[in-house]
mmCIF file of all heavy atoms, coordinates in Angstrom:
data_MODEL
# 
_entry.id   MODEL 
# 
loop_
_atom_site.group_PDB 
_atom_site.id 
_atom_site.type_symbol 
_atom_site.label_atom_id 
_atom_site.label_alt_id 
_atom_site.label_comp_id 
_atom_site.label_asym_id 
_atom_site.label_entity_id 
_atom_site.label_seq_id 
_atom_site.pdbx_PDB_ins_code 
_atom_site.Cartn_x 
_atom_site.Cartn_y 
_atom_site.Cartn_z 
_atom_site.occupancy 
_atom_site.B_iso_or_equiv 
_atom_site.pdbx_formal_charge 
_atom_site.auth_seq_id 
_atom_site.auth_comp_id 
_atom_site.auth_asym_id 
_atom_site.auth_atom_id 
_atom_site.pdbx_PDB_model_num 
ATOM 1   N N   . PHE A 1 1  ? 0.821  -1.182  -0.002 1.00 0.00 ? 1  PHE A N   1 
ATOM 2   C CA  . PHE A 1 1  ? -0.007 0.032   0.013  1.00 0.00 ? 1  PHE A CA  1 
ATOM 3   C C   . PHE A 1 1  ? 0.900  1.220   0.006  1.00 0.00 ? 1  PHE A C   1 
ATOM 4   O O   . PHE A 1 1  ? 1.894  1.330   0.706  1.00 0.00 ? 1  PHE A O   1 
ATOM 5   C CB  . PHE A 1 1  ? -0.848 -0.008  1.255  1.00 0.00 ? 1  PHE A CB  1 
ATOM 6   C CG  . PHE A 1 1  ? -1.769 -1.169  1.370  1.00 0.00 ? 1  PHE A CG  1 
ATOM 7   C CD1 . PHE A 1 1  ? -1.591 -2.171  2.228  1.00 0.00 ? 1  PHE A CD1 1 
ATOM 8   C CD2 . PHE A 1 1  ? -2.870 -1.319  0.394  1.00 0.00 ? 1  PHE A CD2 1 
ATOM 9   C CE1 . PHE A 1 1  ? -2.376 -3.298  2.356  1.00 0.00 ? 1  PHE A CE1 1 
ATOM 10  C CE2 . PHE A 1 1  ? -3.696 -2.451  0.523  1.00 0.00 ? 1  PHE A CE2 1 
ATOM 11  C CZ  . PHE A 1 1  ? -3.431 -3.418  1.416  1.00 0.00 ? 1  PHE A CZ  1 
ATOM 12  N N   . PRO A 1 2  ? 0.477  2.320   -0.720 1.00 0.00 ? 2  PRO A N   1 
ATOM 13  C CA  . PRO A 1 2  ? 1.322  3.486   -0.763 1.00 0.00 ? 2  PRO A CA  1 
ATOM 14  C C   . PRO A 1 2  ? 1.417  4.152   0.577  1.00 0.00 ? 2  PRO A C   1 
ATOM 15  O O   . PRO A 1 2  ? 0.453  4.175   1.392  1.00 0.00 ? 2  PRO A O   1 
ATOM 16  C CB  . PRO A 1 2  ? 0.558  4.358   -1.695 1.00 0.00 ? 2  PRO A CB  1 
ATOM 17  C CG  . PRO A 1 2  ? -0.573 3.576   -2.326 1.00 0.00 ? 2  PRO A CG  1 
ATOM 18  C CD  . PRO A 1 2  ? -0.741 2.384   -1.529 1.00 0.00 ? 2  PRO A CD  1 
ATOM 19  N N   . ASP A 1 3  ? 2.606  4.601   0.912  1.00 0.00 ? 3  ASP A N   1 
ATOM 20  C CA  . ASP A 1 3  ? 2.872  5.367   2.148  1.00 0.00 ? 3  ASP A CA  1 
ATOM 21  C C   . ASP A 1 3  ? 2.589  4.635   3.434  1.00 0.00 ? 3  ASP A C   1 
ATOM 22  O O   . ASP A 1 3  ? 2.273  5.043   4.482  1.00 0.00 ? 3  ASP A O   1 
ATOM 23  C CB  . ASP A 1 3  ? 2.119  6.680   2.224  1.00 0.00 ? 3  ASP A CB  1 
ATOM 24  C CG  . ASP A 1 3  ? 2.626  7.618   1.127  1.00 0.00 ? 3  ASP A CG  1 
ATOM 25  O OD1 . ASP A 1 3  ? 3.883  7.610   0.802  1.00 0.00 ? 3  ASP A OD1 1 
ATOM 26  O OD2 . ASP A 1 3  ? 1.734  8.365   0.593  1.00 0.00 ? 3  ASP A OD2 1 
ATOM 27  N N   . VAL A 1 4  ? 2.678  3.179   3.358  1.00 0.00 ? 4  VAL A N   1 
ATOM 28  C CA  . VAL A 1 4  ? 2.588  2.372   4.504  1.00 0.00 ? 4  VAL A CA  1 
ATOM 29  C C   . VAL A 1 4  ? 3.822  1.564   4.587  1.00 0.00 ? 4  VAL A C   1 
ATOM 30  O O   . VAL A 1 4  ? 4.335  0.974   3.524  1.00 0.00 ? 4  VAL A O   1 
ATOM 31  C CB  . VAL A 1 4  ? 1.324  1.425   4.464  1.00 0.00 ? 4  VAL A CB  1 
ATOM 32  C CG1 . VAL A 1 4  ? 1.370  0.454   5.652  1.00 0.00 ? 4  VAL A CG1 1 
ATOM 33  C CG2 . VAL A 1 4  ? 0.032  2.242   4.399  1.00 0.00 ? 4  VAL A CG2 1 
ATOM 34  N N   . PHE A 1 5  ? 4.454  1.411   5.765  1.00 0.00 ? 5  PHE A N   1 
ATOM 35  C CA  . PHE A 1 5  ? 5.658  0.789   5.968  1.00 0.00 ? 5  PHE A CA  1 
ATOM 36  C C   . PHE A 1 5  ? 5.612  -0.123  7.226  1.00 0.00 ? 5  PHE A C   1 
ATOM 37  O O   . PHE A 1 5  ? 4.863  0.071   8.104  1.00 0.00 ? 5  PHE A O   1 
ATOM 38  C CB  . PHE A 1 5  ? 6.819  1.798   6.175  1.00 0.00 ? 5  PHE A CB  1 
ATOM 39  C CG  . PHE A 1 5  ? 6.954  2.723   5.061  1.00 0.00 ? 5  PHE A CG  1 
ATOM 40  C CD1 . PHE A 1 5  ? 6.204  3.931   5.004  1.00 0.00 ? 5  PHE A CD1 1 
ATOM 41  C CD2 . PHE A 1 5  ? 7.768  2.428   3.976  1.00 0.00 ? 5  PHE A CD2 1 
ATOM 42  C CE1 . PHE A 1 5  ? 6.319  4.787   4.008  1.00 0.00 ? 5  PHE A CE1 1 
ATOM 43  C CE2 . PHE A 1 5  ? 7.879  3.257   2.902  1.00 0.00 ? 5  PHE A CE2 1 
ATOM 44  C CZ  . PHE A 1 5  ? 7.116  4.463   2.884  1.00 0.00 ? 5  PHE A CZ  1 
ATOM 45  N N   . HIS A 1 6  ? 6.354  -1.214  7.110  1.00 0.00 ? 6  HIS A N   1 
ATOM 46  C CA  . HIS A 1 6  ? 6.434  -2.140  8.234  1.00 0.00 ? 6  HIS A CA  1 
ATOM 47  C C   . HIS A 1 6  ? 7.797  -1.997  9.039  1.00 0.00 ? 6  HIS A C   1 
ATOM 48  O O   . HIS A 1 6  ? 8.831  -1.831  8.336  1.00 0.00 ? 6  HIS A O   1 
ATOM 49  C CB  . HIS A 1 6  ? 6.402  -3.567  7.700  1.00 0.00 ? 6  HIS A CB  1 
ATOM 50  C CG  . HIS A 1 6  ? 5.165  -3.920  6.945  1.00 0.00 ? 6  HIS A CG  1 
ATOM 51  N ND1 . HIS A 1 6  ? 3.898  -4.020  7.566  1.00 0.00 ? 6  HIS A ND1 1 
ATOM 52  C CD2 . HIS A 1 6  ? 4.999  -4.071  5.574  1.00 0.00 ? 6  HIS A CD2 1 
ATOM 53  C CE1 . HIS A 1 6  ? 2.984  -4.208  6.565  1.00 0.00 ? 6  HIS A CE1 1 
ATOM 54  N NE2 . HIS A 1 6  ? 3.652  -4.319  5.409  1.00 0.00 ? 6  HIS A NE2 1 
ATOM 55  N N   . VAL A 1 7  ? 7.748  -2.040  10.297 1.00 0.00 ? 7  VAL A N   1 
ATOM 56  C CA  . VAL A 1 7  ? 8.936  -1.960  11.076 1.00 0.00 ? 7  VAL A CA  1 
ATOM 57  C C   . VAL A 1 7  ? 9.001  -3.273  11.907 1.00 0.00 ? 7  VAL A C   1 
ATOM 58  O O   . VAL A 1 7  ? 8.032  -3.798  12.433 1.00 0.00 ? 7  VAL A O   1 
ATOM 59  C CB  . VAL A 1 7  ? 8.870  -0.834  12.110 1.00 0.00 ? 7  VAL A CB  1 
ATOM 60  C CG1 . VAL A 1 7  ? 10.145 -0.843  13.001 1.00 0.00 ? 7  VAL A CG1 1 
ATOM 61  C CG2 . VAL A 1 7  ? 8.830  0.487   11.330 1.00 0.00 ? 7  VAL A CG2 1 
ATOM 62  N N   . GLY A 1 8  ? 10.161 -4.008  11.789 1.00 0.00 ? 8  GLY A N   1 
ATOM 63  C CA  . GLY A 1 8  ? 10.294 -5.236  12.397 1.00 0.00 ? 8  GLY A CA  1 
ATOM 64  C C   . GLY A 1 8  ? 11.683 -5.436  13.091 1.00 0.00 ? 8  GLY A C   1 
ATOM 65  O O   . GLY A 1 8  ? 12.616 -4.790  12.679 1.00 0.00 ? 8  GLY A O   1 
ATOM 66  N N   . ILE A 1 9  ? 11.731 -6.361  14.015 1.00 0.00 ? 9  ILE A N   1 
ATOM 67  C CA  . ILE A 1 9  ? 13.027 -6.722  14.642 1.00 0.00 ? 9  ILE A CA  1 
ATOM 68  C C   . ILE A 1 9  ? 13.217 -8.179  14.304 1.00 0.00 ? 9  ILE A C   1 
ATOM 69  O O   . ILE A 1 9  ? 12.483 -9.073  14.579 1.00 0.00 ? 9  ILE A O   1 
ATOM 70  C CB  . ILE A 1 9  ? 12.874 -6.537  16.173 1.00 0.00 ? 9  ILE A CB  1 
ATOM 71  C CG1 . ILE A 1 9  ? 12.526 -5.050  16.493 1.00 0.00 ? 9  ILE A CG1 1 
ATOM 72  C CG2 . ILE A 1 9  ? 14.233 -6.997  16.859 1.00 0.00 ? 9  ILE A CG2 1 
ATOM 73  C CD1 . ILE A 1 9  ? 11.756 -4.903  17.685 1.00 0.00 ? 9  ILE A CD1 1 
ATOM 74  N N   . LEU A 1 10 ? 14.449 -8.435  13.612 1.00 0.00 ? 10 LEU A N   1 
ATOM 75  C CA  . LEU A 1 10 ? 14.614 -9.753  13.018 1.00 0.00 ? 10 LEU A CA  1 
ATOM 76  C C   . LEU A 1 10 ? 15.885 -10.374 13.549 1.00 0.00 ? 10 LEU A C   1 
ATOM 77  O O   . LEU A 1 10 ? 16.898 -9.744  13.728 1.00 0.00 ? 10 LEU A O   1 
ATOM 78  C CB  . LEU A 1 10 ? 14.778 -9.553  11.456 1.00 0.00 ? 10 LEU A CB  1 
ATOM 79  C CG  . LEU A 1 10 ? 13.677 -8.846  10.735 1.00 0.00 ? 10 LEU A CG  1 
ATOM 80  C CD1 . LEU A 1 10 ? 14.004 -8.749  9.247  1.00 0.00 ? 10 LEU A CD1 1 
ATOM 81  C CD2 . LEU A 1 10 ? 12.353 -9.574  10.907 1.00 0.00 ? 10 LEU A CD2 1 
ATOM 82  N N   . ARG A 1 11 ? 15.783 -11.685 13.684 1.00 0.00 ? 11 ARG A N   1 
ATOM 83  C CA  . ARG A 1 11 ? 16.931 -12.557 13.969 1.00 0.00 ? 11 ARG A CA  1 
ATOM 84  C C   . ARG A 1 11 ? 17.572 -13.043 12.688 1.00 0.00 ? 11 ARG A C   1 
ATOM 85  O O   . ARG A 1 11 ? 17.138 -12.752 11.620 1.00 0.00 ? 11 ARG A O   1 
ATOM 86  C CB  . ARG A 1 11 ? 16.441 -13.816 14.762 1.00 0.00 ? 11 ARG A CB  1 
ATOM 87  C CG  . ARG A 1 11 ? 16.012 -13.573 16.141 1.00 0.00 ? 11 ARG A CG  1 
ATOM 88  C CD  . ARG A 1 11 ? 15.764 -14.862 16.859 1.00 0.00 ? 11 ARG A CD  1 
ATOM 89  N NE  . ARG A 1 11 ? 14.934 -14.587 18.041 1.00 0.00 ? 11 ARG A NE  1 
ATOM 90  C CZ  . ARG A 1 11 ? 14.005 -15.355 18.458 1.00 0.00 ? 11 ARG A CZ  1 
ATOM 91  N NH1 . ARG A 1 11 ? 13.682 -16.464 17.856 1.00 0.00 ? 11 ARG A NH1 1 
ATOM 92  N NH2 . ARG A 1 11 ? 13.297 -15.012 19.518 1.00 0.00 ? 11 ARG A NH2 1 
ATOM 93  N N   . GLU A 1 12 ? 18.692 -13.784 12.897 1.00 0.00 ? 12 GLU A N   1 
ATOM 94  C CA  . GLU A 1 12 ? 19.410 -14.229 11.703 1.00 0.00 ? 12 GLU A CA  1 
ATOM 95  C C   . GLU A 1 12 ? 18.593 -15.022 10.679 1.00 0.00 ? 12 GLU A C   1 
ATOM 96  O O   . GLU A 1 12 ? 18.816 -14.915 9.506  1.00 0.00 ? 12 GLU A O   1 
ATOM 97  C CB  . GLU A 1 12 ? 20.619 -15.107 12.137 1.00 0.00 ? 12 GLU A CB  1 
ATOM 98  C CG  . GLU A 1 12 ? 21.462 -15.498 11.066 1.00 0.00 ? 12 GLU A CG  1 
ATOM 99  C CD  . GLU A 1 12 ? 22.770 -16.222 11.593 1.00 0.00 ? 12 GLU A CD  1 
ATOM 100 O OE1 . GLU A 1 12 ? 22.902 -16.285 12.721 1.00 0.00 ? 12 GLU A OE1 1 
ATOM 101 O OE2 . GLU A 1 12 ? 23.515 -16.587 10.684 1.00 0.00 ? 12 GLU A OE2 1 
ATOM 102 N N   . ALA A 1 13 ? 17.681 -15.785 11.140 1.00 0.00 ? 13 ALA A N   1 
ATOM 103 C CA  . ALA A 1 13 ? 16.863 -16.631 10.200 1.00 0.00 ? 13 ALA A CA  1 
ATOM 104 C C   . ALA A 1 13 ? 15.818 -15.794 9.544  1.00 0.00 ? 13 ALA A C   1 
ATOM 105 O O   . ALA A 1 13 ? 15.010 -16.324 8.650  1.00 0.00 ? 13 ALA A O   1 
ATOM 106 C CB  . ALA A 1 13 ? 16.207 -17.700 11.007 1.00 0.00 ? 13 ALA A CB  1 
ATOM 107 N N   . GLY A 1 14 ? 15.777 -14.527 9.800  1.00 0.00 ? 14 GLY A N   1 
ATOM 108 C CA  . GLY A 1 14 ? 14.782 -13.609 9.136  1.00 0.00 ? 14 GLY A CA  1 
ATOM 109 C C   . GLY A 1 14 ? 13.419 -13.607 9.859  1.00 0.00 ? 14 GLY A C   1 
ATOM 110 O O   . GLY A 1 14 ? 12.474 -13.105 9.388  1.00 0.00 ? 14 GLY A O   1 
ATOM 111 N N   . GLU A 1 15 ? 13.383 -14.286 11.050 1.00 0.00 ? 15 GLU A N   1 
ATOM 112 C CA  . GLU A 1 15 ? 12.125 -14.329 11.715 1.00 0.00 ? 15 GLU A CA  1 
ATOM 113 C C   . GLU A 1 15 ? 11.990 -13.083 12.642 1.00 0.00 ? 15 GLU A C   1 
ATOM 114 O O   . GLU A 1 15 ? 12.984 -12.662 13.236 1.00 0.00 ? 15 GLU A O   1 
ATOM 115 C CB  . GLU A 1 15 ? 11.976 -15.641 12.530 1.00 0.00 ? 15 GLU A CB  1 
ATOM 116 C CG  . GLU A 1 15 ? 13.127 -15.805 13.589 1.00 0.00 ? 15 GLU A CG  1 
ATOM 117 C CD  . GLU A 1 15 ? 13.183 -17.219 14.071 1.00 0.00 ? 15 GLU A CD  1 
ATOM 118 O OE1 . GLU A 1 15 ? 13.156 -18.154 13.274 1.00 0.00 ? 15 GLU A OE1 1 
ATOM 119 O OE2 . GLU A 1 15 ? 13.517 -17.340 15.256 1.00 0.00 ? 15 GLU A OE2 1 
ATOM 120 N N   . SER A 1 16 ? 10.753 -12.691 12.785 1.00 0.00 ? 16 SER A N   1 
ATOM 121 C CA  . SER A 1 16 ? 10.454 -11.547 13.578 1.00 0.00 ? 16 SER A CA  1 
ATOM 122 C C   . SER A 1 16 ? 10.537 -11.918 15.063 1.00 0.00 ? 16 SER A C   1 
ATOM 123 O O   . SER A 1 16 ? 9.967  -12.918 15.449 1.00 0.00 ? 16 SER A O   1 
ATOM 124 C CB  . SER A 1 16 ? 9.128  -10.890 13.236 1.00 0.00 ? 16 SER A CB  1 
ATOM 125 O OG  . SER A 1 16 ? 8.882  -9.809  14.028 1.00 0.00 ? 16 SER A OG  1 
ATOM 126 N N   . VAL A 1 17 ? 11.153 -11.104 15.948 1.00 0.00 ? 17 VAL A N   1 
ATOM 127 C CA  . VAL A 1 17 ? 11.113 -11.361 17.352 1.00 0.00 ? 17 VAL A CA  1 
ATOM 128 C C   . VAL A 1 17 ? 10.110 -10.407 18.070 1.00 0.00 ? 17 VAL A C   1 
ATOM 129 O O   . VAL A 1 17 ? 9.977  -10.540 19.211 1.00 0.00 ? 17 VAL A O   1 
ATOM 130 C CB  . VAL A 1 17 ? 12.541 -11.202 17.996 1.00 0.00 ? 17 VAL A CB  1 
ATOM 131 C CG1 . VAL A 1 17 ? 13.414 -12.237 17.403 1.00 0.00 ? 17 VAL A CG1 1 
ATOM 132 C CG2 . VAL A 1 17 ? 13.060 -9.867  17.865 1.00 0.00 ? 17 VAL A CG2 1 
ATOM 133 N N   . ALA A 1 18 ? 9.457  -9.533  17.369 1.00 0.00 ? 18 ALA A N   1 
ATOM 134 C CA  . ALA A 1 18 ? 8.471  -8.706  17.987 1.00 0.00 ? 18 ALA A CA  1 
ATOM 135 C C   . ALA A 1 18 ? 7.456  -8.449  16.866 1.00 0.00 ? 18 ALA A C   1 
ATOM 136 O O   . ALA A 1 18 ? 7.592  -8.725  15.648 1.00 0.00 ? 18 ALA A O   1 
ATOM 137 C CB  . ALA A 1 18 ? 9.062  -7.305  18.248 1.00 0.00 ? 18 ALA A CB  1 
ATOM 138 N N   . SER A 1 19 ? 6.243  -8.027  17.325 1.00 0.00 ? 19 SER A N   1 
ATOM 139 C CA  . SER A 1 19 ? 5.187  -7.764  16.321 1.00 0.00 ? 19 SER A CA  1 
ATOM 140 C C   . SER A 1 19 ? 5.633  -6.739  15.382 1.00 0.00 ? 19 SER A C   1 
ATOM 141 O O   . SER A 1 19 ? 6.425  -5.916  15.540 1.00 0.00 ? 19 SER A O   1 
ATOM 142 C CB  . SER A 1 19 ? 4.000  -7.179  17.035 1.00 0.00 ? 19 SER A CB  1 
ATOM 143 O OG  . SER A 1 19 ? 3.561  -8.116  18.032 1.00 0.00 ? 19 SER A OG  1 
ATOM 144 N N   . ARG A 1 20 ? 5.168  -6.960  14.138 1.00 0.00 ? 20 ARG A N   1 
ATOM 145 C CA  . ARG A 1 20 ? 5.493  -5.989  13.114 1.00 0.00 ? 20 ARG A CA  1 
ATOM 146 C C   . ARG A 1 20 ? 4.525  -4.777  13.314 1.00 0.00 ? 20 ARG A C   1 
ATOM 147 O O   . ARG A 1 20 ? 3.404  -4.879  13.746 1.00 0.00 ? 20 ARG A O   1 
ATOM 148 C CB  . ARG A 1 20 ? 5.393  -6.544  11.717 1.00 0.00 ? 20 ARG A CB  1 
ATOM 149 C CG  . ARG A 1 20 ? 4.019  -6.699  11.170 1.00 0.00 ? 20 ARG A CG  1 
ATOM 150 C CD  . ARG A 1 20 ? 4.167  -7.205  9.736  1.00 0.00 ? 20 ARG A CD  1 
ATOM 151 N NE  . ARG A 1 20 ? 2.874  -7.124  9.068  1.00 0.00 ? 20 ARG A NE  1 
ATOM 152 C CZ  . ARG A 1 20 ? 2.313  -8.042  8.377  1.00 0.00 ? 20 ARG A CZ  1 
ATOM 153 N NH1 . ARG A 1 20 ? 2.868  -9.244  8.263  1.00 0.00 ? 20 ARG A NH1 1 
ATOM 154 N NH2 . ARG A 1 20 ? 1.146  -7.851  7.893  1.00 0.00 ? 20 ARG A NH2 1 
ATOM 155 N N   . TYR A 1 21 ? 5.020  -3.667  12.955 1.00 0.00 ? 21 TYR A N   1 
ATOM 156 C CA  . TYR A 1 21 ? 4.255  -2.418  13.068 1.00 0.00 ? 21 TYR A CA  1 
ATOM 157 C C   . TYR A 1 21 ? 4.017  -1.859  11.714 1.00 0.00 ? 21 TYR A C   1 
ATOM 158 O O   . TYR A 1 21 ? 4.873  -1.695  10.867 1.00 0.00 ? 21 TYR A O   1 
ATOM 159 C CB  . TYR A 1 21 ? 5.051  -1.382  13.911 1.00 0.00 ? 21 TYR A CB  1 
ATOM 160 C CG  . TYR A 1 21 ? 5.531  -1.963  15.219 1.00 0.00 ? 21 TYR A CG  1 
ATOM 161 C CD1 . TYR A 1 21 ? 6.670  -2.596  15.314 1.00 0.00 ? 21 TYR A CD1 1 
ATOM 162 C CD2 . TYR A 1 21 ? 4.711  -1.752  16.364 1.00 0.00 ? 21 TYR A CD2 1 
ATOM 163 C CE1 . TYR A 1 21 ? 7.056  -3.088  16.636 1.00 0.00 ? 21 TYR A CE1 1 
ATOM 164 C CE2 . TYR A 1 21 ? 5.121  -2.260  17.596 1.00 0.00 ? 21 TYR A CE2 1 
ATOM 165 C CZ  . TYR A 1 21 ? 6.285  -2.934  17.667 1.00 0.00 ? 21 TYR A CZ  1 
ATOM 166 O OH  . TYR A 1 21 ? 6.711  -3.362  18.914 1.00 0.00 ? 21 TYR A OH  1 
ATOM 167 N N   . GLU A 1 22 ? 2.771  -1.463  11.431 1.00 0.00 ? 22 GLU A N   1 
ATOM 168 C CA  . GLU A 1 22 ? 2.401  -0.859  10.203 1.00 0.00 ? 22 GLU A CA  1 
ATOM 169 C C   . GLU A 1 22 ? 2.295  0.713   10.418 1.00 0.00 ? 22 GLU A C   1 
ATOM 170 O O   . GLU A 1 22 ? 1.453  1.162   11.199 1.00 0.00 ? 22 GLU A O   1 
ATOM 171 C CB  . GLU A 1 22 ? 1.125  -1.427  9.652  1.00 0.00 ? 22 GLU A CB  1 
ATOM 172 C CG  . GLU A 1 22 ? 1.254  -2.902  9.238  1.00 0.00 ? 22 GLU A CG  1 
ATOM 173 C CD  . GLU A 1 22 ? 0.020  -3.474  8.614  1.00 0.00 ? 22 GLU A CD  1 
ATOM 174 O OE1 . GLU A 1 22 ? -1.025 -2.738  8.520  1.00 0.00 ? 22 GLU A OE1 1 
ATOM 175 O OE2 . GLU A 1 22 ? 0.034  -4.714  8.300  1.00 0.00 ? 22 GLU A OE2 1 
ATOM 176 N N   . ILE A 1 23 ? 3.098  1.388   9.781  1.00 0.00 ? 23 ILE A N   1 
ATOM 177 C CA  . ILE A 1 23 ? 3.195  2.824   9.961  1.00 0.00 ? 23 ILE A CA  1 
ATOM 178 C C   . ILE A 1 23 ? 2.938  3.575   8.754  1.00 0.00 ? 23 ILE A C   1 
ATOM 179 O O   . ILE A 1 23 ? 3.511  3.274   7.697  1.00 0.00 ? 23 ILE A O   1 
ATOM 180 C CB  . ILE A 1 23 ? 4.676  3.162   10.519 1.00 0.00 ? 23 ILE A CB  1 
ATOM 181 C CG1 . ILE A 1 23 ? 5.052  2.299   11.704 1.00 0.00 ? 23 ILE A CG1 1 
ATOM 182 C CG2 . ILE A 1 23 ? 4.886  4.592   10.900 1.00 0.00 ? 23 ILE A CG2 1 
ATOM 183 C CD1 . ILE A 1 23 ? 4.344  2.463   12.912 1.00 0.00 ? 23 ILE A CD1 1 
ATOM 184 N N   . THR A 1 24 ? 2.231  4.649   8.909  1.00 0.00 ? 24 THR A N   1 
ATOM 185 C CA  . THR A 1 24 ? 2.061  5.485   7.695  1.00 0.00 ? 24 THR A CA  1 
ATOM 186 C C   . THR A 1 24 ? 3.146  6.676   7.823  1.00 0.00 ? 24 THR A C   1 
ATOM 187 O O   . THR A 1 24 ? 3.400  7.083   8.764  1.00 0.00 ? 24 THR A O   1 
ATOM 188 C CB  . THR A 1 24 ? 0.616  6.159   7.604  1.00 0.00 ? 24 THR A CB  1 
ATOM 189 O OG1 . THR A 1 24 ? 0.379  6.894   8.899  1.00 0.00 ? 24 THR A OG1 1 
ATOM 190 C CG2 . THR A 1 24 ? -0.436 5.150   7.508  1.00 0.00 ? 24 THR A CG2 1 
# 
C-alpha cells in the first residue's frame, strides 16, 4: 500500500522477534 511501511525486529533466520508495526 502506498505510504505504509512495516517496522520489524529480525533474527538471523529472518524471523521477527516482535510484532510488526504498520506505520504511515
